[in-house]
C-alpha cells in the first residue's frame, strides 16, 4: 500500500516526514516557515464569503472555517509543549481530539478574524521562543501519548509542516473552485 501523496486531498503538501539530521540551517528554515504561516493563512482566506468559509476542503473534510480555527488551537498546544519540554524533564503531553474541537460551538460562531489575530500573536511568541533555543534544546525529549518519545526537533518539523499543510487545504480548494 502506498502512502498518501500530493494527489491525496488530505495531504496537499505530502505527508509529514521526520528528518533526524536537522542542521542549524534546516532548523532556521523550519522556524522561517512557522514565522510565515500567519501571513500565508491570511492570504489564503482573504476575500472568502461566509458560504465559501462553510465549504469543506474535500469530501468528508473540515470546512475552511474549521481549518482556520484549528490552526491556532493546534499551535497553542505546540507552544505549550515546547515550554513544558524546555522546563521539565521528559514531560508527558496529552493529545487532544482535534475533530471534536472543531465541532464545538465556538467554531461556527467565532469570526475567523479572531483566530487569524490569535495565530499572528501566538506565532510572534512561538518564533521568539524557537529563536532563543540552543541547538541542544531541540534534542530535549517529551512523551506524546500517541507517538511515544519525540524530541523538540521533531516538534519543530511537525509544526513547520502543519501550517502549510492546512493553508494548502484552503488554497487547493480555492484553485479547484476558481475562487
N, C-alpha and C. Protein backbone atom coordinates (compact mmCIF):
# COMPACT_ATOMS: atom_id res chain seq x y z
N UNK A 1 0.85 -1.18 0.00
CA UNK A 1 0.00 0.00 0.00
C UNK A 1 0.89 1.23 0.00
N UNK A 2 0.58 2.18 -0.84
CA UNK A 2 1.38 3.40 -0.89
C UNK A 2 0.85 4.42 0.09
N UNK A 3 1.74 5.29 0.54
CA UNK A 3 1.30 6.34 1.46
C UNK A 3 0.71 7.49 0.65
N UNK A 4 -0.20 8.25 1.27
CA UNK A 4 -0.82 9.35 0.55
C UNK A 4 0.24 10.37 0.12
N UNK A 5 0.04 10.96 -1.01
CA UNK A 5 0.98 11.96 -1.52
C UNK A 5 0.25 13.22 -1.92
N UNK A 6 0.90 14.01 -2.75
CA UNK A 6 0.35 15.32 -3.10
C UNK A 6 -0.96 15.23 -3.88
N UNK A 7 -1.29 14.09 -4.46
CA UNK A 7 -2.57 13.97 -5.15
C UNK A 7 -3.71 13.63 -4.20
N UNK A 8 -3.41 13.28 -2.98
CA UNK A 8 -4.41 12.98 -1.97
C UNK A 8 -4.85 14.30 -1.34
N UNK A 9 -6.15 14.67 -1.46
CA UNK A 9 -6.58 15.98 -0.94
C UNK A 9 -6.40 16.15 0.57
N UNK A 10 -6.21 15.06 1.29
CA UNK A 10 -5.93 15.18 2.72
C UNK A 10 -4.53 15.71 2.97
N UNK A 11 -3.63 15.49 2.01
CA UNK A 11 -2.21 15.84 2.18
C UNK A 11 -1.69 16.61 0.96
N UNK A 12 -2.18 17.83 0.76
CA UNK A 12 -1.81 18.57 -0.45
C UNK A 12 -0.32 18.95 -0.52
N UNK A 13 0.37 18.93 0.61
CA UNK A 13 1.82 19.20 0.61
C UNK A 13 2.61 17.91 0.83
N UNK A 14 1.92 16.78 0.86
CA UNK A 14 2.55 15.50 1.17
C UNK A 14 2.41 15.19 2.64
N UNK A 15 2.67 13.94 2.99
CA UNK A 15 2.59 13.53 4.39
C UNK A 15 3.82 14.03 5.13
N UNK A 16 3.69 14.18 6.43
CA UNK A 16 4.82 14.61 7.25
C UNK A 16 5.90 13.55 7.25
N UNK A 17 7.13 13.98 7.07
CA UNK A 17 8.28 13.08 7.22
C UNK A 17 9.28 13.75 8.15
N UNK A 18 9.83 12.96 9.03
CA UNK A 18 10.78 13.46 10.02
C UNK A 18 12.21 13.29 9.51
N UNK A 19 12.99 14.35 9.62
CA UNK A 19 14.41 14.33 9.26
C UNK A 19 15.20 14.28 10.57
N UNK A 20 15.82 13.15 10.90
CA UNK A 20 16.54 13.05 12.17
C UNK A 20 17.85 13.85 12.20
N UNK A 21 18.32 14.29 11.04
CA UNK A 21 19.58 15.04 10.96
C UNK A 21 19.29 16.51 10.69
N UNK A 22 18.76 17.19 11.68
CA UNK A 22 18.37 18.57 11.49
C UNK A 22 19.53 19.50 11.83
N UNK A 23 20.08 20.13 10.82
CA UNK A 23 21.20 21.06 10.98
C UNK A 23 20.67 22.41 11.44
N UNK A 24 21.55 23.29 11.92
CA UNK A 24 21.10 24.64 12.28
C UNK A 24 20.41 25.35 11.10
N UNK A 25 20.90 25.14 9.90
CA UNK A 25 20.27 25.76 8.73
C UNK A 25 18.88 25.23 8.48
N UNK A 26 18.70 23.93 8.62
CA UNK A 26 17.37 23.34 8.45
C UNK A 26 16.43 23.81 9.55
N UNK A 27 16.95 23.94 10.77
CA UNK A 27 16.11 24.47 11.86
C UNK A 27 15.67 25.89 11.54
N UNK A 28 16.60 26.70 11.07
CA UNK A 28 16.28 28.10 10.73
C UNK A 28 15.22 28.15 9.64
N UNK A 29 15.30 27.27 8.66
CA UNK A 29 14.27 27.24 7.60
C UNK A 29 12.91 26.84 8.18
N UNK A 30 12.92 25.87 9.08
CA UNK A 30 11.66 25.46 9.72
C UNK A 30 11.05 26.61 10.52
N UNK A 31 11.88 27.31 11.25
CA UNK A 31 11.39 28.46 12.03
C UNK A 31 10.85 29.53 11.08
N UNK A 32 11.52 29.74 9.96
CA UNK A 32 11.03 30.71 8.97
C UNK A 32 9.66 30.34 8.42
N UNK A 33 9.45 29.06 8.19
CA UNK A 33 8.14 28.60 7.72
C UNK A 33 7.08 28.89 8.78
N UNK A 34 7.40 28.60 10.03
CA UNK A 34 6.47 28.88 11.12
C UNK A 34 6.20 30.38 11.21
N UNK A 35 7.23 31.20 11.06
CA UNK A 35 7.08 32.65 11.08
C UNK A 35 6.12 33.12 9.97
N UNK A 36 6.20 32.48 8.81
CA UNK A 36 5.40 32.91 7.65
C UNK A 36 3.98 32.36 7.63
N UNK A 37 3.68 31.41 8.48
CA UNK A 37 2.36 30.77 8.46
C UNK A 37 1.21 31.76 8.65
N UNK A 38 1.26 32.69 9.60
CA UNK A 38 0.12 33.60 9.75
C UNK A 38 -0.18 34.40 8.48
N UNK A 39 0.85 34.91 7.84
CA UNK A 39 0.65 35.68 6.61
C UNK A 39 0.07 34.80 5.51
N UNK A 40 0.58 33.57 5.39
CA UNK A 40 0.07 32.65 4.38
C UNK A 40 -1.40 32.30 4.64
N UNK A 41 -1.74 32.12 5.90
CA UNK A 41 -3.13 31.80 6.25
C UNK A 41 -4.05 32.97 5.91
N UNK A 42 -3.64 34.17 6.27
CA UNK A 42 -4.45 35.35 5.93
C UNK A 42 -4.65 35.47 4.43
N UNK A 43 -3.57 35.27 3.70
CA UNK A 43 -3.67 35.34 2.24
C UNK A 43 -4.61 34.29 1.68
N UNK A 44 -4.61 33.12 2.27
CA UNK A 44 -5.45 32.03 1.78
C UNK A 44 -6.93 32.30 1.96
N UNK A 45 -7.31 33.06 2.98
CA UNK A 45 -8.73 33.28 3.25
C UNK A 45 -9.22 34.67 2.83
N UNK A 46 -8.32 35.52 2.40
CA UNK A 46 -8.71 36.88 2.02
C UNK A 46 -9.80 36.85 0.94
N UNK A 47 -10.87 37.58 1.22
CA UNK A 47 -11.94 37.73 0.24
C UNK A 47 -12.95 36.60 0.20
N UNK A 48 -12.82 35.59 1.05
CA UNK A 48 -13.78 34.50 1.02
C UNK A 48 -15.09 34.92 1.69
N UNK A 49 -16.19 34.50 1.12
CA UNK A 49 -17.52 34.79 1.67
C UNK A 49 -17.82 33.80 2.79
N UNK A 50 -18.90 34.07 3.53
CA UNK A 50 -19.32 33.13 4.57
C UNK A 50 -19.65 31.77 3.97
N UNK A 51 -20.29 31.76 2.81
CA UNK A 51 -20.62 30.49 2.17
C UNK A 51 -19.35 29.73 1.79
N UNK A 52 -18.35 30.43 1.31
CA UNK A 52 -17.08 29.78 0.97
C UNK A 52 -16.38 29.26 2.22
N UNK A 53 -16.47 30.00 3.32
CA UNK A 53 -15.87 29.54 4.58
C UNK A 53 -16.53 28.28 5.10
N UNK A 54 -17.77 28.04 4.72
CA UNK A 54 -18.51 26.85 5.15
C UNK A 54 -18.32 25.67 4.21
N UNK A 55 -17.46 25.81 3.22
CA UNK A 55 -17.21 24.75 2.25
C UNK A 55 -16.12 23.81 2.76
N UNK A 56 -16.37 22.52 2.76
CA UNK A 56 -15.31 21.58 3.13
C UNK A 56 -14.21 21.59 2.07
N UNK A 57 -12.98 21.44 2.50
CA UNK A 57 -11.87 21.46 1.55
C UNK A 57 -11.82 20.16 0.73
N UNK A 58 -12.49 19.11 1.19
CA UNK A 58 -12.61 17.84 0.46
C UNK A 58 -13.87 17.16 0.97
N UNK A 59 -14.34 16.17 0.24
CA UNK A 59 -15.49 15.39 0.71
C UNK A 59 -15.16 14.78 2.06
N UNK A 60 -16.02 15.03 3.03
CA UNK A 60 -15.83 14.49 4.37
C UNK A 60 -14.81 15.25 5.20
N UNK A 61 -14.26 16.33 4.66
CA UNK A 61 -13.24 17.10 5.38
C UNK A 61 -13.84 18.28 6.14
N UNK A 62 -12.97 18.95 6.84
CA UNK A 62 -13.38 20.14 7.58
C UNK A 62 -13.70 21.27 6.62
N UNK A 63 -14.52 22.21 7.11
CA UNK A 63 -14.77 23.42 6.33
C UNK A 63 -13.56 24.34 6.44
N UNK A 64 -13.51 25.31 5.55
CA UNK A 64 -12.43 26.30 5.62
C UNK A 64 -12.45 26.97 6.99
N UNK A 65 -13.63 27.31 7.49
CA UNK A 65 -13.75 27.95 8.81
C UNK A 65 -13.14 27.05 9.90
N UNK A 66 -13.45 25.77 9.85
CA UNK A 66 -12.90 24.85 10.84
C UNK A 66 -11.38 24.77 10.75
N UNK A 67 -10.85 24.76 9.54
CA UNK A 67 -9.40 24.72 9.35
C UNK A 67 -8.76 25.97 9.95
N UNK A 68 -9.35 27.14 9.67
CA UNK A 68 -8.80 28.40 10.18
C UNK A 68 -8.78 28.40 11.70
N UNK A 69 -9.83 27.95 12.33
CA UNK A 69 -9.88 27.92 13.80
C UNK A 69 -8.97 26.83 14.37
N UNK A 70 -8.78 25.75 13.63
CA UNK A 70 -7.93 24.65 14.10
C UNK A 70 -6.46 25.06 14.21
N UNK A 71 -5.97 25.84 13.28
CA UNK A 71 -4.54 26.15 13.25
C UNK A 71 -4.06 26.79 14.56
N UNK A 72 -4.67 27.88 15.05
CA UNK A 72 -4.16 28.42 16.32
C UNK A 72 -4.39 27.48 17.50
N UNK A 73 -5.47 26.68 17.46
CA UNK A 73 -5.68 25.73 18.55
C UNK A 73 -4.53 24.71 18.60
N UNK A 74 -4.17 24.20 17.45
CA UNK A 74 -3.08 23.24 17.39
C UNK A 74 -1.75 23.88 17.77
N UNK A 75 -1.52 25.08 17.27
CA UNK A 75 -0.24 25.73 17.52
C UNK A 75 -0.12 26.24 18.95
N UNK A 76 -1.26 26.51 19.61
CA UNK A 76 -1.21 26.81 21.05
C UNK A 76 -0.72 25.59 21.81
N UNK A 77 -1.22 24.43 21.41
CA UNK A 77 -0.75 23.19 22.04
C UNK A 77 0.75 23.02 21.79
N UNK A 78 1.21 23.31 20.60
CA UNK A 78 2.64 23.19 20.29
C UNK A 78 3.46 24.13 21.17
N UNK A 79 3.02 25.36 21.29
CA UNK A 79 3.74 26.34 22.10
C UNK A 79 3.89 25.84 23.54
N UNK A 80 2.80 25.35 24.10
CA UNK A 80 2.85 24.82 25.47
C UNK A 80 3.73 23.59 25.57
N UNK A 81 3.69 22.75 24.57
CA UNK A 81 4.53 21.55 24.58
C UNK A 81 6.00 21.91 24.55
N UNK A 82 6.37 22.91 23.75
CA UNK A 82 7.76 23.39 23.76
C UNK A 82 8.13 23.90 25.14
N UNK A 83 7.27 24.69 25.75
CA UNK A 83 7.55 25.24 27.08
C UNK A 83 7.72 24.12 28.11
N UNK A 84 6.83 23.14 28.07
CA UNK A 84 6.94 22.03 29.02
C UNK A 84 8.25 21.29 28.83
N UNK A 85 8.59 20.98 27.59
CA UNK A 85 9.81 20.21 27.33
C UNK A 85 11.07 20.99 27.70
N UNK A 86 10.99 22.31 27.64
CA UNK A 86 12.15 23.14 28.00
C UNK A 86 12.28 23.36 29.50
N UNK A 87 11.20 23.12 30.23
CA UNK A 87 11.23 23.42 31.67
C UNK A 87 11.02 22.19 32.56
N UNK A 88 10.72 21.05 31.97
CA UNK A 88 10.51 19.83 32.72
C UNK A 88 11.34 18.71 32.09
N UNK A 89 11.64 17.70 32.87
CA UNK A 89 12.38 16.56 32.35
C UNK A 89 11.42 15.55 31.76
N UNK A 90 11.52 15.39 30.44
CA UNK A 90 10.77 14.37 29.71
C UNK A 90 9.26 14.39 30.04
N UNK A 91 8.61 15.54 29.88
CA UNK A 91 7.19 15.61 30.23
C UNK A 91 6.33 14.75 29.31
N UNK A 92 5.23 14.31 29.84
CA UNK A 92 4.23 13.60 29.04
C UNK A 92 3.19 14.63 28.62
N UNK A 93 2.94 14.67 27.32
CA UNK A 93 1.95 15.63 26.80
C UNK A 93 0.72 14.88 26.33
N UNK A 94 -0.39 15.51 26.55
CA UNK A 94 -1.68 14.92 26.25
C UNK A 94 -2.10 15.28 24.84
N UNK A 95 -2.49 14.30 24.04
CA UNK A 95 -3.09 14.64 22.75
C UNK A 95 -4.51 15.16 22.98
N UNK A 96 -5.10 15.71 21.96
CA UNK A 96 -6.48 16.17 22.07
C UNK A 96 -7.24 15.73 20.83
N UNK A 97 -8.53 15.67 20.94
CA UNK A 97 -9.37 15.22 19.84
C UNK A 97 -9.68 16.40 18.93
N UNK A 98 -8.84 16.59 17.92
CA UNK A 98 -8.97 17.74 17.01
C UNK A 98 -10.34 17.78 16.36
N UNK A 99 -10.83 16.63 15.93
CA UNK A 99 -12.12 16.60 15.24
C UNK A 99 -13.24 17.03 16.17
N UNK A 100 -13.18 16.64 17.43
CA UNK A 100 -14.20 17.07 18.39
C UNK A 100 -14.08 18.57 18.66
N UNK A 101 -12.84 19.07 18.73
CA UNK A 101 -12.65 20.50 18.99
C UNK A 101 -13.27 21.34 17.87
N UNK A 102 -13.09 20.95 16.60
CA UNK A 102 -13.62 21.78 15.51
C UNK A 102 -15.13 21.70 15.41
N UNK A 103 -15.74 20.80 16.16
CA UNK A 103 -17.21 20.68 16.17
C UNK A 103 -17.85 21.37 17.36
N UNK A 104 -17.03 22.00 18.23
CA UNK A 104 -17.58 22.71 19.38
C UNK A 104 -18.26 24.00 18.92
N UNK A 105 -19.13 24.54 19.78
CA UNK A 105 -19.97 25.68 19.43
C UNK A 105 -19.25 26.98 19.12
N UNK A 106 -18.02 27.14 19.59
CA UNK A 106 -17.32 28.39 19.28
C UNK A 106 -16.90 28.47 17.82
N UNK A 107 -16.69 27.35 17.18
CA UNK A 107 -16.15 27.34 15.81
C UNK A 107 -17.10 28.00 14.81
N UNK A 108 -18.38 27.64 14.77
CA UNK A 108 -19.24 28.32 13.80
C UNK A 108 -19.61 29.75 14.20
N UNK A 109 -19.41 30.09 15.47
CA UNK A 109 -19.85 31.39 15.95
C UNK A 109 -18.75 32.44 16.05
N UNK A 110 -17.52 32.03 16.16
CA UNK A 110 -16.41 32.99 16.28
C UNK A 110 -15.99 33.45 14.89
N UNK A 111 -15.79 34.74 14.71
CA UNK A 111 -15.30 35.20 13.41
C UNK A 111 -13.89 34.68 13.17
N UNK A 112 -13.57 34.40 11.91
CA UNK A 112 -12.24 33.87 11.63
C UNK A 112 -11.16 34.89 11.98
N UNK A 113 -11.51 36.17 11.99
CA UNK A 113 -10.52 37.19 12.35
C UNK A 113 -9.97 36.96 13.75
N UNK A 114 -10.78 36.42 14.64
CA UNK A 114 -10.29 36.13 15.99
C UNK A 114 -9.16 35.09 15.94
N UNK A 115 -9.34 34.07 15.13
CA UNK A 115 -8.28 33.05 15.02
C UNK A 115 -7.10 33.56 14.22
N UNK A 116 -7.34 34.42 13.23
CA UNK A 116 -6.22 35.00 12.48
C UNK A 116 -5.37 35.88 13.39
N UNK A 117 -6.02 36.67 14.23
CA UNK A 117 -5.29 37.52 15.19
C UNK A 117 -4.56 36.66 16.21
N UNK A 118 -5.21 35.59 16.65
CA UNK A 118 -4.59 34.69 17.61
C UNK A 118 -3.34 34.04 17.03
N UNK A 119 -3.42 33.56 15.80
CA UNK A 119 -2.25 32.92 15.19
C UNK A 119 -1.14 33.95 14.95
N UNK A 120 -1.50 35.20 14.64
CA UNK A 120 -0.49 36.26 14.50
C UNK A 120 0.29 36.42 15.81
N UNK A 121 -0.43 36.64 16.89
CA UNK A 121 0.21 36.88 18.19
C UNK A 121 0.95 35.64 18.68
N UNK A 122 0.32 34.50 18.55
CA UNK A 122 0.93 33.25 19.01
C UNK A 122 2.25 32.98 18.28
N UNK A 123 2.28 33.21 17.00
CA UNK A 123 3.50 32.93 16.23
C UNK A 123 4.62 33.91 16.55
N UNK A 124 4.28 35.12 16.94
CA UNK A 124 5.33 36.04 17.41
C UNK A 124 6.02 35.43 18.62
N UNK A 125 5.24 34.94 19.57
CA UNK A 125 5.80 34.32 20.77
C UNK A 125 6.50 33.00 20.47
N UNK A 126 5.88 32.17 19.64
CA UNK A 126 6.47 30.88 19.31
C UNK A 126 7.81 31.06 18.60
N UNK A 127 7.87 31.94 17.63
CA UNK A 127 9.13 32.18 16.91
C UNK A 127 10.18 32.76 17.86
N UNK A 128 9.78 33.67 18.74
CA UNK A 128 10.74 34.22 19.71
C UNK A 128 11.31 33.10 20.58
N UNK A 129 10.45 32.18 21.00
CA UNK A 129 10.92 31.05 21.80
C UNK A 129 11.87 30.18 20.99
N UNK A 130 11.47 29.82 19.78
CA UNK A 130 12.29 28.94 18.95
C UNK A 130 13.65 29.55 18.65
N UNK A 131 13.66 30.85 18.38
CA UNK A 131 14.92 31.52 18.06
C UNK A 131 15.82 31.68 19.28
N UNK A 132 15.25 31.57 20.47
CA UNK A 132 16.05 31.68 21.69
C UNK A 132 16.69 30.36 22.10
N UNK A 133 16.27 29.28 21.47
CA UNK A 133 16.71 27.95 21.87
C UNK A 133 18.10 27.63 21.32
N UNK A 134 18.90 26.98 22.16
CA UNK A 134 20.21 26.45 21.72
C UNK A 134 19.97 25.16 20.95
N UNK A 135 20.95 24.76 20.16
CA UNK A 135 20.84 23.51 19.42
C UNK A 135 20.51 22.33 20.30
N UNK A 136 21.13 22.27 21.47
CA UNK A 136 20.88 21.16 22.39
C UNK A 136 19.45 21.16 22.93
N UNK A 137 18.81 22.33 22.97
CA UNK A 137 17.43 22.41 23.44
C UNK A 137 16.49 21.61 22.53
N UNK A 138 16.81 21.60 21.23
CA UNK A 138 15.95 20.89 20.28
C UNK A 138 16.03 19.37 20.45
N UNK A 139 17.03 18.91 21.19
CA UNK A 139 17.17 17.48 21.45
C UNK A 139 16.39 17.04 22.69
N UNK A 140 15.83 18.01 23.41
CA UNK A 140 15.09 17.67 24.63
C UNK A 140 13.90 16.78 24.29
N UNK A 141 13.68 15.76 25.13
CA UNK A 141 12.62 14.80 24.84
C UNK A 141 11.30 15.14 25.53
N UNK A 142 10.26 14.59 24.97
CA UNK A 142 8.95 14.59 25.61
C UNK A 142 8.26 13.32 25.19
N UNK A 143 7.24 12.96 25.93
CA UNK A 143 6.47 11.76 25.62
C UNK A 143 5.10 12.22 25.12
N UNK A 144 4.80 11.83 23.90
CA UNK A 144 3.49 12.11 23.32
C UNK A 144 2.69 10.81 23.42
N UNK A 145 1.52 10.87 24.02
CA UNK A 145 0.77 9.65 24.29
C UNK A 145 0.34 8.90 23.03
N UNK A 146 0.33 9.57 21.87
CA UNK A 146 0.02 8.87 20.61
C UNK A 146 1.28 8.38 19.90
N UNK A 147 2.37 9.16 19.96
CA UNK A 147 3.56 8.87 19.15
C UNK A 147 4.75 8.35 19.95
N UNK A 148 4.66 8.38 21.25
CA UNK A 148 5.76 7.92 22.09
C UNK A 148 6.79 9.01 22.30
N UNK A 149 8.05 8.60 22.50
CA UNK A 149 9.13 9.55 22.77
C UNK A 149 9.48 10.32 21.50
N UNK A 150 9.48 11.64 21.60
CA UNK A 150 9.87 12.51 20.49
C UNK A 150 10.74 13.63 21.04
N UNK A 151 11.40 14.34 20.16
CA UNK A 151 12.23 15.47 20.57
C UNK A 151 11.59 16.78 20.08
N UNK A 152 12.14 17.88 20.58
CA UNK A 152 11.67 19.17 20.10
C UNK A 152 12.06 19.40 18.65
N UNK A 153 13.10 18.75 18.16
CA UNK A 153 13.40 18.79 16.73
C UNK A 153 12.22 18.25 15.92
N UNK A 154 11.67 17.15 16.38
CA UNK A 154 10.51 16.59 15.67
C UNK A 154 9.31 17.53 15.79
N UNK A 155 9.11 18.10 16.95
CA UNK A 155 8.02 19.06 17.12
C UNK A 155 8.19 20.24 16.16
N UNK A 156 9.41 20.75 16.06
CA UNK A 156 9.68 21.87 15.16
C UNK A 156 9.30 21.49 13.73
N UNK A 157 9.75 20.34 13.30
CA UNK A 157 9.45 19.91 11.94
C UNK A 157 7.95 19.67 11.73
N UNK A 158 7.30 19.13 12.75
CA UNK A 158 5.87 18.88 12.66
C UNK A 158 5.11 20.18 12.40
N UNK A 159 5.45 21.22 13.15
CA UNK A 159 4.69 22.46 13.01
C UNK A 159 5.13 23.29 11.82
N UNK A 160 6.34 23.08 11.33
CA UNK A 160 6.74 23.70 10.07
C UNK A 160 5.97 23.05 8.92
N UNK A 161 5.60 21.80 9.06
CA UNK A 161 4.77 21.11 8.08
C UNK A 161 3.30 21.45 8.27
N UNK A 162 2.85 21.51 9.51
CA UNK A 162 1.43 21.61 9.84
C UNK A 162 0.76 22.87 9.28
N UNK A 163 1.35 24.03 9.47
CA UNK A 163 0.75 25.26 8.97
C UNK A 163 0.57 25.24 7.46
N UNK A 164 1.64 25.03 6.70
CA UNK A 164 1.49 24.97 5.24
C UNK A 164 0.55 23.86 4.76
N UNK A 165 0.51 22.75 5.48
CA UNK A 165 -0.40 21.65 5.16
C UNK A 165 -1.84 22.14 5.15
N UNK A 166 -2.24 22.87 6.20
CA UNK A 166 -3.62 23.35 6.27
C UNK A 166 -3.86 24.56 5.37
N UNK A 167 -2.88 25.43 5.22
CA UNK A 167 -3.03 26.53 4.26
C UNK A 167 -3.28 25.96 2.87
N UNK A 168 -2.56 24.90 2.52
CA UNK A 168 -2.74 24.27 1.21
C UNK A 168 -4.12 23.64 1.05
N UNK A 169 -4.74 23.21 2.15
CA UNK A 169 -6.13 22.73 2.04
C UNK A 169 -7.00 23.86 1.48
N UNK A 170 -6.79 25.05 1.99
CA UNK A 170 -7.60 26.20 1.58
C UNK A 170 -7.23 26.64 0.17
N UNK A 171 -5.94 26.81 -0.10
CA UNK A 171 -5.53 27.29 -1.43
C UNK A 171 -5.85 26.27 -2.51
N UNK A 172 -5.78 24.99 -2.20
CA UNK A 172 -6.16 23.95 -3.19
C UNK A 172 -7.65 24.03 -3.50
N UNK A 173 -8.45 24.21 -2.46
CA UNK A 173 -9.89 24.36 -2.67
C UNK A 173 -10.18 25.59 -3.52
N UNK A 174 -9.52 26.70 -3.20
CA UNK A 174 -9.75 27.92 -3.98
C UNK A 174 -9.38 27.70 -5.44
N UNK A 175 -8.27 27.04 -5.68
CA UNK A 175 -7.85 26.79 -7.07
C UNK A 175 -8.86 25.88 -7.78
N UNK A 176 -9.30 24.85 -7.07
CA UNK A 176 -10.27 23.90 -7.61
C UNK A 176 -11.59 24.57 -7.99
N UNK A 177 -12.02 25.49 -7.14
CA UNK A 177 -13.32 26.16 -7.33
C UNK A 177 -13.20 27.46 -8.13
N UNK A 178 -12.00 27.90 -8.42
CA UNK A 178 -11.82 29.15 -9.15
C UNK A 178 -12.15 30.38 -8.31
N UNK A 179 -11.91 30.28 -7.01
CA UNK A 179 -12.17 31.41 -6.11
C UNK A 179 -10.98 32.31 -6.12
